[in-house]
Amino acid sequence: MKRTAHRAGALLVALTASVLLMTSYSPSAAANHSGAFIGGMLVGHLVTGAVSRDKQRTADANQMAAQQNAAYQQQAAAPAAQTPEQRIQQLDKLAAGGYITPAEYKAKKQAIIDSM
C-alpha cells in the first residue's frame, strides 16, 4: 500500500512538473490556460485512477485477511481427531507428571482400548 501511494505521489509530481513546463513555454496566454486545463485534467484523472486502484487493492487485502482469519478460527475450533495411540501417549504423560492417579490411568487406558 505504501508503494502505491509513493508511486501515485511521484506520478503526481512528474505530471505537475510537465504541466508547468508545458504552460511556461506556451506562446500565448490562451495556450497557457488551455495547457494548464488539459494537464490538470490529465493529472486529476491519473491520480484518481491510482487512488481508486489503491482502495480496491486494500479492500481485496482486507477481504483475504478476513477469509484467512475465518479459516483459522474454524480450524482452531474444530478439535483434532487423535488416534488411540496418541491418546494413550497423552495419558502416559499425564500419569508421569502425577496429574492422574494409577487407578485413573488404568480406567482411562481401558476406555481408550474399548473405544477402538
N, C-alpha and C. Protein backbone atom coordinates (compact mmCIF):
# COMPACT_ATOMS: atom_id res chain seq x y z
N MET A 1 0.83 -1.19 0.00
CA MET A 1 0.00 0.00 0.00
C MET A 1 0.88 1.25 0.00
N LYS A 2 2.01 1.22 0.71
CA LYS A 2 2.89 2.37 0.77
C LYS A 2 3.52 2.63 -0.59
N ARG A 3 3.84 1.53 -1.31
CA ARG A 3 4.45 1.70 -2.64
C ARG A 3 3.49 2.38 -3.59
N THR A 4 2.21 1.98 -3.54
CA THR A 4 1.23 2.57 -4.44
C THR A 4 1.07 4.05 -4.16
N ALA A 5 1.00 4.42 -2.89
CA ALA A 5 0.87 5.83 -2.54
C ALA A 5 2.11 6.59 -2.96
N HIS A 6 3.28 5.98 -2.81
CA HIS A 6 4.52 6.63 -3.22
C HIS A 6 4.55 6.81 -4.73
N ARG A 7 4.14 5.77 -5.45
CA ARG A 7 4.12 5.86 -6.92
C ARG A 7 3.14 6.93 -7.38
N ALA A 8 1.97 6.96 -6.74
CA ALA A 8 0.97 7.96 -7.12
C ALA A 8 1.50 9.36 -6.84
N GLY A 9 2.19 9.53 -5.71
CA GLY A 9 2.77 10.84 -5.39
C GLY A 9 3.85 11.22 -6.38
N ALA A 10 4.70 10.26 -6.75
CA ALA A 10 5.76 10.54 -7.73
C ALA A 10 5.16 10.87 -9.08
N LEU A 11 4.12 10.15 -9.45
CA LEU A 11 3.45 10.42 -10.72
C LEU A 11 2.83 11.81 -10.72
N LEU A 12 2.22 12.16 -9.61
CA LEU A 12 1.61 13.48 -9.49
C LEU A 12 2.66 14.58 -9.63
N VAL A 13 3.80 14.41 -8.99
CA VAL A 13 4.87 15.41 -9.07
C VAL A 13 5.38 15.51 -10.50
N ALA A 14 5.61 14.37 -11.15
CA ALA A 14 6.12 14.38 -12.52
C ALA A 14 5.13 15.03 -13.48
N LEU A 15 3.87 14.70 -13.34
CA LEU A 15 2.87 15.27 -14.25
C LEU A 15 2.67 16.76 -13.99
N THR A 16 2.71 17.14 -12.73
CA THR A 16 2.58 18.56 -12.41
C THR A 16 3.74 19.34 -12.99
N ALA A 17 4.94 18.79 -12.87
CA ALA A 17 6.11 19.45 -13.44
C ALA A 17 6.00 19.56 -14.95
N SER A 18 5.51 18.51 -15.60
CA SER A 18 5.37 18.57 -17.06
C SER A 18 4.31 19.59 -17.46
N VAL A 19 3.25 19.70 -16.69
CA VAL A 19 2.21 20.70 -16.98
C VAL A 19 2.80 22.10 -16.82
N LEU A 20 3.57 22.29 -15.76
CA LEU A 20 4.18 23.61 -15.54
C LEU A 20 5.15 23.96 -16.66
N LEU A 21 5.93 22.99 -17.09
CA LEU A 21 6.85 23.24 -18.20
C LEU A 21 6.09 23.52 -19.47
N MET A 22 5.02 22.77 -19.69
CA MET A 22 4.23 22.94 -20.90
C MET A 22 3.59 24.33 -20.92
N THR A 23 3.11 24.78 -19.78
CA THR A 23 2.44 26.08 -19.75
C THR A 23 3.43 27.24 -19.75
N SER A 24 4.63 27.03 -19.23
CA SER A 24 5.58 28.15 -19.19
C SER A 24 6.19 28.45 -20.54
N TYR A 25 6.20 27.49 -21.46
CA TYR A 25 6.78 27.72 -22.78
C TYR A 25 5.73 28.00 -23.85
N SER A 26 4.48 28.12 -23.49
CA SER A 26 3.45 28.40 -24.48
C SER A 26 3.57 29.85 -24.94
N PRO A 27 3.33 30.10 -26.24
CA PRO A 27 3.50 31.46 -26.77
C PRO A 27 2.42 32.45 -26.36
N SER A 28 1.24 31.99 -26.04
CA SER A 28 0.19 32.95 -25.71
C SER A 28 -0.48 32.61 -24.39
N ALA A 29 -1.16 33.57 -23.82
CA ALA A 29 -1.84 33.37 -22.55
C ALA A 29 -2.97 32.36 -22.69
N ALA A 30 -3.66 32.37 -23.83
CA ALA A 30 -4.75 31.43 -24.06
C ALA A 30 -4.22 30.00 -24.07
N ALA A 31 -3.07 29.81 -24.67
CA ALA A 31 -2.46 28.48 -24.71
C ALA A 31 -2.05 28.05 -23.31
N ASN A 32 -1.61 29.02 -22.48
CA ASN A 32 -1.24 28.69 -21.10
C ASN A 32 -2.43 28.12 -20.35
N HIS A 33 -3.57 28.77 -20.51
CA HIS A 33 -4.75 28.31 -19.79
C HIS A 33 -5.24 26.97 -20.31
N SER A 34 -5.24 26.78 -21.61
CA SER A 34 -5.72 25.50 -22.14
C SER A 34 -4.74 24.38 -21.81
N GLY A 35 -3.45 24.67 -21.86
CA GLY A 35 -2.45 23.65 -21.50
C GLY A 35 -2.56 23.28 -20.04
N ALA A 36 -2.75 24.28 -19.20
CA ALA A 36 -2.89 24.01 -17.77
C ALA A 36 -4.17 23.23 -17.50
N PHE A 37 -5.24 23.58 -18.20
CA PHE A 37 -6.50 22.88 -18.01
C PHE A 37 -6.38 21.41 -18.42
N ILE A 38 -5.81 21.18 -19.59
CA ILE A 38 -5.66 19.80 -20.08
C ILE A 38 -4.70 19.03 -19.17
N GLY A 39 -3.61 19.66 -18.81
CA GLY A 39 -2.66 18.99 -17.91
C GLY A 39 -3.28 18.69 -16.56
N GLY A 40 -4.04 19.64 -16.05
CA GLY A 40 -4.71 19.42 -14.77
C GLY A 40 -5.71 18.29 -14.84
N MET A 41 -6.44 18.22 -15.92
CA MET A 41 -7.40 17.14 -16.08
C MET A 41 -6.67 15.80 -16.18
N LEU A 42 -5.57 15.78 -16.90
CA LEU A 42 -4.79 14.55 -17.04
C LEU A 42 -4.25 14.08 -15.69
N VAL A 43 -3.68 15.02 -14.95
CA VAL A 43 -3.15 14.70 -13.63
C VAL A 43 -4.28 14.22 -12.71
N GLY A 44 -5.38 14.92 -12.73
CA GLY A 44 -6.52 14.54 -11.89
C GLY A 44 -7.02 13.15 -12.23
N HIS A 45 -7.11 12.86 -13.51
CA HIS A 45 -7.58 11.54 -13.94
C HIS A 45 -6.61 10.45 -13.50
N LEU A 46 -5.32 10.67 -13.68
CA LEU A 46 -4.34 9.66 -13.30
C LEU A 46 -4.29 9.44 -11.79
N VAL A 47 -4.35 10.51 -11.04
CA VAL A 47 -4.31 10.38 -9.59
C VAL A 47 -5.59 9.71 -9.08
N THR A 48 -6.72 10.07 -9.64
CA THR A 48 -7.98 9.45 -9.24
C THR A 48 -7.95 7.95 -9.53
N GLY A 49 -7.41 7.58 -10.69
CA GLY A 49 -7.28 6.16 -11.03
C GLY A 49 -6.36 5.43 -10.07
N ALA A 50 -5.24 6.06 -9.72
CA ALA A 50 -4.29 5.44 -8.79
C ALA A 50 -4.92 5.26 -7.41
N VAL A 51 -5.63 6.25 -6.96
CA VAL A 51 -6.29 6.17 -5.65
C VAL A 51 -7.37 5.10 -5.68
N SER A 52 -8.12 5.03 -6.77
CA SER A 52 -9.17 4.03 -6.90
C SER A 52 -8.59 2.62 -6.88
N ARG A 53 -7.50 2.41 -7.62
CA ARG A 53 -6.85 1.09 -7.63
C ARG A 53 -6.30 0.74 -6.25
N ASP A 54 -5.75 1.74 -5.57
CA ASP A 54 -5.21 1.51 -4.23
C ASP A 54 -6.33 1.11 -3.27
N LYS A 55 -7.47 1.78 -3.35
CA LYS A 55 -8.61 1.43 -2.50
C LYS A 55 -9.10 0.01 -2.78
N GLN A 56 -9.12 -0.36 -4.07
CA GLN A 56 -9.56 -1.71 -4.44
C GLN A 56 -8.59 -2.76 -3.91
N ARG A 57 -7.30 -2.50 -4.03
CA ARG A 57 -6.30 -3.43 -3.51
C ARG A 57 -6.44 -3.58 -1.99
N THR A 58 -6.67 -2.47 -1.32
CA THR A 58 -6.84 -2.51 0.14
C THR A 58 -8.07 -3.32 0.50
N ALA A 59 -9.17 -3.12 -0.21
CA ALA A 59 -10.40 -3.87 0.06
C ALA A 59 -10.17 -5.36 -0.21
N ASP A 60 -9.47 -5.69 -1.29
CA ASP A 60 -9.17 -7.09 -1.59
C ASP A 60 -8.30 -7.72 -0.51
N ALA A 61 -7.30 -6.98 -0.05
CA ALA A 61 -6.41 -7.49 1.00
C ALA A 61 -7.18 -7.70 2.30
N ASN A 62 -8.07 -6.78 2.63
CA ASN A 62 -8.88 -6.92 3.85
C ASN A 62 -9.81 -8.12 3.75
N GLN A 63 -10.38 -8.34 2.57
CA GLN A 63 -11.27 -9.48 2.37
C GLN A 63 -10.49 -10.78 2.50
N MET A 64 -9.29 -10.83 1.92
CA MET A 64 -8.48 -12.03 2.01
C MET A 64 -8.07 -12.31 3.46
N ALA A 65 -7.72 -11.26 4.18
CA ALA A 65 -7.35 -11.41 5.59
C ALA A 65 -8.53 -11.92 6.41
N ALA A 66 -9.72 -11.42 6.12
CA ALA A 66 -10.92 -11.88 6.84
C ALA A 66 -11.19 -13.35 6.54
N GLN A 67 -11.01 -13.76 5.29
CA GLN A 67 -11.23 -15.16 4.94
C GLN A 67 -10.21 -16.06 5.62
N GLN A 68 -8.95 -15.62 5.64
CA GLN A 68 -7.92 -16.41 6.30
C GLN A 68 -8.17 -16.49 7.80
N ASN A 69 -8.62 -15.39 8.39
CA ASN A 69 -8.93 -15.38 9.81
C ASN A 69 -10.08 -16.32 10.12
N ALA A 70 -11.10 -16.32 9.29
CA ALA A 70 -12.25 -17.21 9.49
C ALA A 70 -11.82 -18.67 9.36
N ALA A 71 -10.97 -18.96 8.38
CA ALA A 71 -10.49 -20.33 8.20
C ALA A 71 -9.64 -20.76 9.39
N TYR A 72 -8.83 -19.86 9.90
CA TYR A 72 -8.00 -20.17 11.06
C TYR A 72 -8.87 -20.43 12.29
N GLN A 73 -9.86 -19.58 12.51
CA GLN A 73 -10.74 -19.77 13.66
C GLN A 73 -11.53 -21.07 13.55
N GLN A 74 -11.96 -21.40 12.34
CA GLN A 74 -12.70 -22.64 12.14
C GLN A 74 -11.80 -23.84 12.43
N GLN A 75 -10.55 -23.75 11.97
CA GLN A 75 -9.61 -24.84 12.20
C GLN A 75 -9.28 -24.96 13.69
N ALA A 76 -9.14 -23.83 14.36
CA ALA A 76 -8.82 -23.85 15.79
C ALA A 76 -9.99 -24.37 16.62
N ALA A 77 -11.21 -24.10 16.16
CA ALA A 77 -12.40 -24.51 16.92
C ALA A 77 -12.66 -26.01 16.78
N ALA A 78 -12.28 -26.57 15.64
CA ALA A 78 -12.53 -28.00 15.42
C ALA A 78 -11.45 -28.81 16.15
N PRO A 79 -11.87 -29.67 17.06
CA PRO A 79 -10.86 -30.47 17.77
C PRO A 79 -10.22 -31.47 16.80
N ALA A 80 -8.92 -31.60 16.92
CA ALA A 80 -8.21 -32.54 16.06
C ALA A 80 -8.48 -33.97 16.54
N ALA A 81 -8.83 -34.83 15.63
CA ALA A 81 -9.09 -36.22 15.98
C ALA A 81 -7.76 -36.90 16.27
N GLN A 82 -7.67 -37.50 17.44
CA GLN A 82 -6.46 -38.18 17.83
C GLN A 82 -6.63 -39.68 17.66
N THR A 83 -5.56 -40.32 17.29
CA THR A 83 -5.58 -41.77 17.21
C THR A 83 -5.53 -42.33 18.63
N PRO A 84 -5.92 -43.59 18.79
CA PRO A 84 -5.83 -44.20 20.13
C PRO A 84 -4.39 -44.17 20.68
N GLU A 85 -3.40 -44.34 19.78
CA GLU A 85 -2.01 -44.29 20.23
C GLU A 85 -1.65 -42.92 20.79
N GLN A 86 -2.11 -41.87 20.12
CA GLN A 86 -1.85 -40.52 20.59
C GLN A 86 -2.53 -40.26 21.93
N ARG A 87 -3.74 -40.75 22.08
CA ARG A 87 -4.47 -40.57 23.34
C ARG A 87 -3.78 -41.30 24.49
N ILE A 88 -3.26 -42.50 24.21
CA ILE A 88 -2.55 -43.25 25.25
C ILE A 88 -1.23 -42.55 25.60
N GLN A 89 -0.54 -42.01 24.59
CA GLN A 89 0.70 -41.27 24.86
C GLN A 89 0.42 -40.05 25.74
N GLN A 90 -0.66 -39.36 25.44
CA GLN A 90 -1.04 -38.20 26.25
C GLN A 90 -1.37 -38.65 27.68
N LEU A 91 -2.05 -39.77 27.78
CA LEU A 91 -2.39 -40.33 29.09
C LEU A 91 -1.12 -40.71 29.86
N ASP A 92 -0.14 -41.27 29.15
CA ASP A 92 1.15 -41.62 29.77
C ASP A 92 1.83 -40.37 30.34
N LYS A 93 1.80 -39.28 29.58
CA LYS A 93 2.41 -38.02 30.05
C LYS A 93 1.70 -37.49 31.30
N LEU A 94 0.39 -37.59 31.31
CA LEU A 94 -0.37 -37.14 32.48
C LEU A 94 -0.02 -37.98 33.71
N ALA A 95 0.11 -39.28 33.50
CA ALA A 95 0.45 -40.16 34.61
C ALA A 95 1.87 -39.90 35.08
N ALA A 96 2.81 -39.72 34.15
CA ALA A 96 4.21 -39.47 34.50
C ALA A 96 4.36 -38.15 35.24
N GLY A 97 3.55 -37.19 34.92
CA GLY A 97 3.60 -35.88 35.58
C GLY A 97 2.88 -35.87 36.92
N GLY A 98 2.20 -36.94 37.26
CA GLY A 98 1.49 -37.01 38.52
C GLY A 98 0.14 -36.31 38.50
N TYR A 99 -0.39 -36.07 37.31
CA TYR A 99 -1.67 -35.37 37.20
C TYR A 99 -2.87 -36.29 37.41
N ILE A 100 -2.67 -37.59 37.21
CA ILE A 100 -3.74 -38.55 37.44
C ILE A 100 -3.19 -39.71 38.27
N THR A 101 -4.08 -40.36 38.97
CA THR A 101 -3.67 -41.49 39.82
C THR A 101 -3.51 -42.74 38.97
N PRO A 102 -2.81 -43.76 39.48
CA PRO A 102 -2.69 -45.01 38.73
C PRO A 102 -4.04 -45.66 38.41
N ALA A 103 -5.00 -45.51 39.31
CA ALA A 103 -6.33 -46.07 39.06
C ALA A 103 -7.02 -45.33 37.91
N GLU A 104 -6.90 -44.01 37.90
CA GLU A 104 -7.48 -43.22 36.79
C GLU A 104 -6.80 -43.57 35.47
N TYR A 105 -5.49 -43.74 35.52
CA TYR A 105 -4.73 -44.09 34.32
C TYR A 105 -5.24 -45.41 33.75
N LYS A 106 -5.39 -46.40 34.63
CA LYS A 106 -5.83 -47.72 34.20
C LYS A 106 -7.23 -47.66 33.60
N ALA A 107 -8.13 -46.92 34.24
CA ALA A 107 -9.52 -46.81 33.76
C ALA A 107 -9.57 -46.09 32.41
N LYS A 108 -8.83 -45.00 32.28
CA LYS A 108 -8.84 -44.23 31.01
C LYS A 108 -8.22 -45.05 29.89
N LYS A 109 -7.13 -45.74 30.19
CA LYS A 109 -6.48 -46.55 29.16
C LYS A 109 -7.43 -47.64 28.68
N GLN A 110 -8.13 -48.27 29.62
CA GLN A 110 -9.09 -49.31 29.24
C GLN A 110 -10.23 -48.72 28.40
N ALA A 111 -10.67 -47.52 28.73
CA ALA A 111 -11.73 -46.85 27.95
C ALA A 111 -11.25 -46.56 26.52
N ILE A 112 -9.99 -46.16 26.39
CA ILE A 112 -9.44 -45.89 25.05
C ILE A 112 -9.38 -47.18 24.25
N ILE A 113 -8.92 -48.23 24.89
CA ILE A 113 -8.82 -49.52 24.19
C ILE A 113 -10.21 -50.04 23.82
N ASP A 114 -11.17 -49.88 24.70
CA ASP A 114 -12.54 -50.33 24.43
C ASP A 114 -13.19 -49.55 23.28
N SER A 115 -12.78 -48.30 23.10
CA SER A 115 -13.38 -47.47 22.05
C SER A 115 -12.85 -47.79 20.64
N MET A 116 -11.85 -48.62 20.55
CA MET A 116 -11.26 -48.95 19.24
C MET A 116 -12.10 -49.94 18.48
